Amino acid sequence: MTLVDSSGSVVIAALLGWAAIVLARRGRDRVRITLGRAGGGGAARTGRILGIVGLLVAGTAALALGFWGLLSLFAQ
């Protein structure tokens, strides 16, 4: 497996990070609608934080792949 083969994982990480943020927002809205009786406010906050971290990791990996592509292009 090469570095280029791992580019699919960047897309997956971005999609999962986005999904975590969307689901955390739904959870936060449910807690707000039930006035906190449903619980899960901490889980929604944690999901949002992990979603943001996932998006940041995906962005960093995309930048690394982009620079690797530029370096290998100019090396030839």
N, C-alpha and C. Protein backbone atom coordinates (compact mmCIF):
# COMPACT_ATOMS: atom_id res chain seq x y z
N MET A 1 0.85 -1.17 0.00
CA MET A 1 0.00 0.00 0.00
C MET A 1 0.90 1.23 0.00
N THR A 2 0.59 2.15 -0.86
CA THR A 2 1.37 3.37 -0.95
C THR A 2 0.58 4.53 -0.35
N LEU A 3 1.24 5.67 -0.34
CA LEU A 3 0.61 6.85 0.22
C LEU A 3 -0.59 7.29 -0.62
N VAL A 4 -0.51 7.11 -1.92
CA VAL A 4 -1.61 7.49 -2.80
C VAL A 4 -2.81 6.57 -2.58
N ASP A 5 -2.57 5.31 -2.29
CA ASP A 5 -3.67 4.38 -2.02
C ASP A 5 -4.44 4.77 -0.77
N SER A 6 -3.81 5.47 0.12
CA SER A 6 -4.48 5.86 1.37
C SER A 6 -5.32 7.12 1.22
N SER A 7 -5.42 7.67 0.01
CA SER A 7 -6.20 8.89 -0.17
C SER A 7 -7.69 8.64 0.06
N GLY A 8 -8.15 7.42 -0.11
CA GLY A 8 -9.54 7.10 0.17
C GLY A 8 -9.89 7.28 1.63
N SER A 9 -8.91 7.06 2.50
CA SER A 9 -9.17 7.23 3.93
C SER A 9 -9.38 8.70 4.30
N VAL A 10 -8.84 9.61 3.52
CA VAL A 10 -9.06 11.04 3.77
C VAL A 10 -10.53 11.37 3.53
N VAL A 11 -11.08 10.84 2.47
CA VAL A 11 -12.49 11.09 2.16
C VAL A 11 -13.38 10.47 3.23
N ILE A 12 -13.06 9.25 3.65
CA ILE A 12 -13.85 8.58 4.68
C ILE A 12 -13.78 9.34 6.00
N ALA A 13 -12.59 9.82 6.36
CA ALA A 13 -12.44 10.58 7.61
C ALA A 13 -13.25 11.87 7.56
N ALA A 14 -13.26 12.53 6.41
CA ALA A 14 -14.04 13.77 6.28
C ALA A 14 -15.54 13.48 6.38
N LEU A 15 -16.00 12.42 5.73
CA LEU A 15 -17.42 12.09 5.78
C LEU A 15 -17.85 11.69 7.19
N LEU A 16 -17.03 10.91 7.87
CA LEU A 16 -17.38 10.50 9.24
C LEU A 16 -17.33 11.68 10.21
N GLY A 17 -16.39 12.58 10.02
CA GLY A 17 -16.34 13.77 10.86
C GLY A 17 -17.56 14.64 10.67
N TRP A 18 -17.98 14.81 9.41
CA TRP A 18 -19.18 15.58 9.13
C TRP A 18 -20.40 14.91 9.73
N ALA A 19 -20.48 13.58 9.59
CA ALA A 19 -21.62 12.86 10.15
C ALA A 19 -21.68 12.99 11.67
N ALA A 20 -20.52 12.96 12.32
CA ALA A 20 -20.49 13.11 13.78
C ALA A 20 -21.00 14.48 14.21
N ILE A 21 -20.65 15.51 13.45
CA ILE A 21 -21.11 16.85 13.79
C ILE A 21 -22.63 16.96 13.59
N VAL A 22 -23.14 16.39 12.51
CA VAL A 22 -24.58 16.44 12.25
C VAL A 22 -25.35 15.68 13.33
N LEU A 23 -24.87 14.49 13.68
CA LEU A 23 -25.56 13.70 14.70
C LEU A 23 -25.47 14.36 16.08
N ALA A 24 -24.35 15.03 16.36
CA ALA A 24 -24.22 15.74 17.63
C ALA A 24 -25.21 16.90 17.69
N ARG A 25 -25.42 17.56 16.57
CA ARG A 25 -26.39 18.66 16.54
C ARG A 25 -27.80 18.13 16.78
N ARG A 26 -28.12 16.99 16.18
CA ARG A 26 -29.44 16.40 16.41
C ARG A 26 -29.61 16.02 17.88
N GLY A 27 -28.57 15.46 18.47
CA GLY A 27 -28.63 15.09 19.88
C GLY A 27 -28.80 16.31 20.77
N ARG A 28 -28.08 17.36 20.45
CA ARG A 28 -28.19 18.59 21.24
C ARG A 28 -29.59 19.19 21.12
N ASP A 29 -30.16 19.14 19.92
CA ASP A 29 -31.52 19.63 19.73
C ASP A 29 -32.52 18.80 20.52
N ARG A 30 -32.31 17.49 20.55
CA ARG A 30 -33.23 16.62 21.30
C ARG A 30 -33.14 16.92 22.80
N VAL A 31 -31.94 17.17 23.29
CA VAL A 31 -31.80 17.52 24.70
C VAL A 31 -32.49 18.85 24.98
N ARG A 32 -32.37 19.79 24.06
CA ARG A 32 -33.00 21.09 24.24
C ARG A 32 -34.53 20.97 24.20
N ILE A 33 -35.06 20.15 23.29
CA ILE A 33 -36.52 20.00 23.18
C ILE A 33 -37.10 19.36 24.43
N THR A 34 -36.40 18.38 24.99
CA THR A 34 -36.92 17.68 26.17
C THR A 34 -36.51 18.36 27.47
N LEU A 35 -35.91 19.53 27.37
CA LEU A 35 -35.47 20.31 28.54
C LEU A 35 -34.49 19.53 29.40
N GLY A 36 -33.68 18.71 28.77
CA GLY A 36 -32.63 17.98 29.48
C GLY A 36 -33.07 16.67 30.08
N ARG A 37 -34.36 16.34 29.98
CA ARG A 37 -34.84 15.08 30.58
C ARG A 37 -34.34 13.87 29.82
N ALA A 38 -34.06 14.00 28.53
CA ALA A 38 -33.59 12.87 27.73
C ALA A 38 -32.14 12.54 28.06
N GLY A 39 -31.40 13.51 28.57
CA GLY A 39 -29.98 13.30 28.86
C GLY A 39 -29.17 13.27 27.57
N GLY A 40 -27.90 13.09 27.70
CA GLY A 40 -27.04 12.97 26.53
C GLY A 40 -26.39 14.24 26.08
N GLY A 41 -26.48 15.29 26.87
CA GLY A 41 -25.84 16.55 26.48
C GLY A 41 -24.33 16.43 26.40
N GLY A 42 -23.76 15.68 27.33
CA GLY A 42 -22.31 15.47 27.31
C GLY A 42 -21.87 14.62 26.12
N ALA A 43 -22.68 13.64 25.77
CA ALA A 43 -22.36 12.80 24.62
C ALA A 43 -22.44 13.60 23.32
N ALA A 44 -23.40 14.50 23.23
CA ALA A 44 -23.52 15.35 22.05
C ALA A 44 -22.32 16.28 21.94
N ARG A 45 -21.90 16.83 23.05
CA ARG A 45 -20.72 17.71 23.05
C ARG A 45 -19.46 16.94 22.65
N THR A 46 -19.32 15.74 23.19
CA THR A 46 -18.16 14.91 22.86
C THR A 46 -18.18 14.52 21.38
N GLY A 47 -19.35 14.19 20.85
CA GLY A 47 -19.47 13.85 19.44
C GLY A 47 -19.09 15.02 18.55
N ARG A 48 -19.50 16.21 18.95
CA ARG A 48 -19.14 17.39 18.16
C ARG A 48 -17.64 17.63 18.17
N ILE A 49 -17.02 17.48 19.32
CA ILE A 49 -15.58 17.67 19.42
C ILE A 49 -14.84 16.64 18.59
N LEU A 50 -15.27 15.38 18.67
CA LEU A 50 -14.62 14.33 17.89
C LEU A 50 -14.85 14.52 16.39
N GLY A 51 -16.01 15.03 16.01
CA GLY A 51 -16.26 15.33 14.61
C GLY A 51 -15.33 16.41 14.08
N ILE A 52 -15.13 17.44 14.88
CA ILE A 52 -14.22 18.51 14.48
C ILE A 52 -12.80 17.99 14.37
N VAL A 53 -12.40 17.14 15.32
CA VAL A 53 -11.06 16.55 15.26
C VAL A 53 -10.92 15.68 14.01
N GLY A 54 -11.98 14.93 13.67
CA GLY A 54 -11.94 14.12 12.46
C GLY A 54 -11.78 14.96 11.21
N LEU A 55 -12.49 16.08 11.15
CA LEU A 55 -12.34 16.97 9.99
C LEU A 55 -10.94 17.58 9.92
N LEU A 56 -10.39 17.92 11.07
CA LEU A 56 -9.04 18.48 11.08
C LEU A 56 -8.00 17.45 10.64
N VAL A 57 -8.17 16.21 11.09
CA VAL A 57 -7.25 15.14 10.67
C VAL A 57 -7.37 14.90 9.17
N ALA A 58 -8.60 14.90 8.66
CA ALA A 58 -8.80 14.72 7.22
C ALA A 58 -8.16 15.85 6.42
N GLY A 59 -8.29 17.08 6.91
CA GLY A 59 -7.67 18.21 6.24
C GLY A 59 -6.15 18.14 6.26
N THR A 60 -5.60 17.73 7.39
CA THR A 60 -4.15 17.58 7.49
C THR A 60 -3.65 16.49 6.56
N ALA A 61 -4.37 15.39 6.50
CA ALA A 61 -3.97 14.29 5.61
C ALA A 61 -4.09 14.72 4.15
N ALA A 62 -5.11 15.49 3.81
CA ALA A 62 -5.25 15.97 2.44
C ALA A 62 -4.09 16.91 2.06
N LEU A 63 -3.71 17.77 2.99
CA LEU A 63 -2.55 18.65 2.73
C LEU A 63 -1.27 17.83 2.56
N ALA A 64 -1.09 16.82 3.39
CA ALA A 64 0.10 15.98 3.28
C ALA A 64 0.13 15.27 1.94
N LEU A 65 -1.00 14.75 1.50
CA LEU A 65 -1.04 14.08 0.20
C LEU A 65 -0.79 15.06 -0.94
N GLY A 66 -1.33 16.27 -0.81
CA GLY A 66 -1.09 17.29 -1.83
C GLY A 66 0.38 17.68 -1.94
N PHE A 67 1.02 17.89 -0.81
CA PHE A 67 2.44 18.24 -0.84
C PHE A 67 3.28 17.08 -1.33
N TRP A 68 2.91 15.86 -0.97
CA TRP A 68 3.63 14.69 -1.46
C TRP A 68 3.52 14.62 -2.98
N GLY A 69 2.35 14.90 -3.51
CA GLY A 69 2.16 14.90 -4.95
C GLY A 69 3.01 15.96 -5.64
N LEU A 70 3.04 17.16 -5.04
CA LEU A 70 3.88 18.22 -5.61
C LEU A 70 5.37 17.88 -5.56
N LEU A 71 5.80 17.33 -4.45
CA LEU A 71 7.21 16.97 -4.32
C LEU A 71 7.59 15.87 -5.28
N SER A 72 6.74 14.90 -5.46
CA SER A 72 7.07 13.82 -6.39
C SER A 72 6.98 14.32 -7.84
N LEU A 73 6.14 15.30 -8.12
CA LEU A 73 6.05 15.87 -9.46
C LEU A 73 7.31 16.64 -9.81
N PHE A 74 7.80 17.46 -8.88
CA PHE A 74 8.99 18.27 -9.14
C PHE A 74 10.27 17.48 -8.99
N ALA A 75 10.23 16.31 -8.40
CA ALA A 75 11.44 15.49 -8.24
C ALA A 75 11.84 14.85 -9.56
N GLN A 76 10.93 14.74 -10.48
CA GLN A 76 11.24 14.06 -11.75
C GLN A 76 11.78 15.00 -12.76
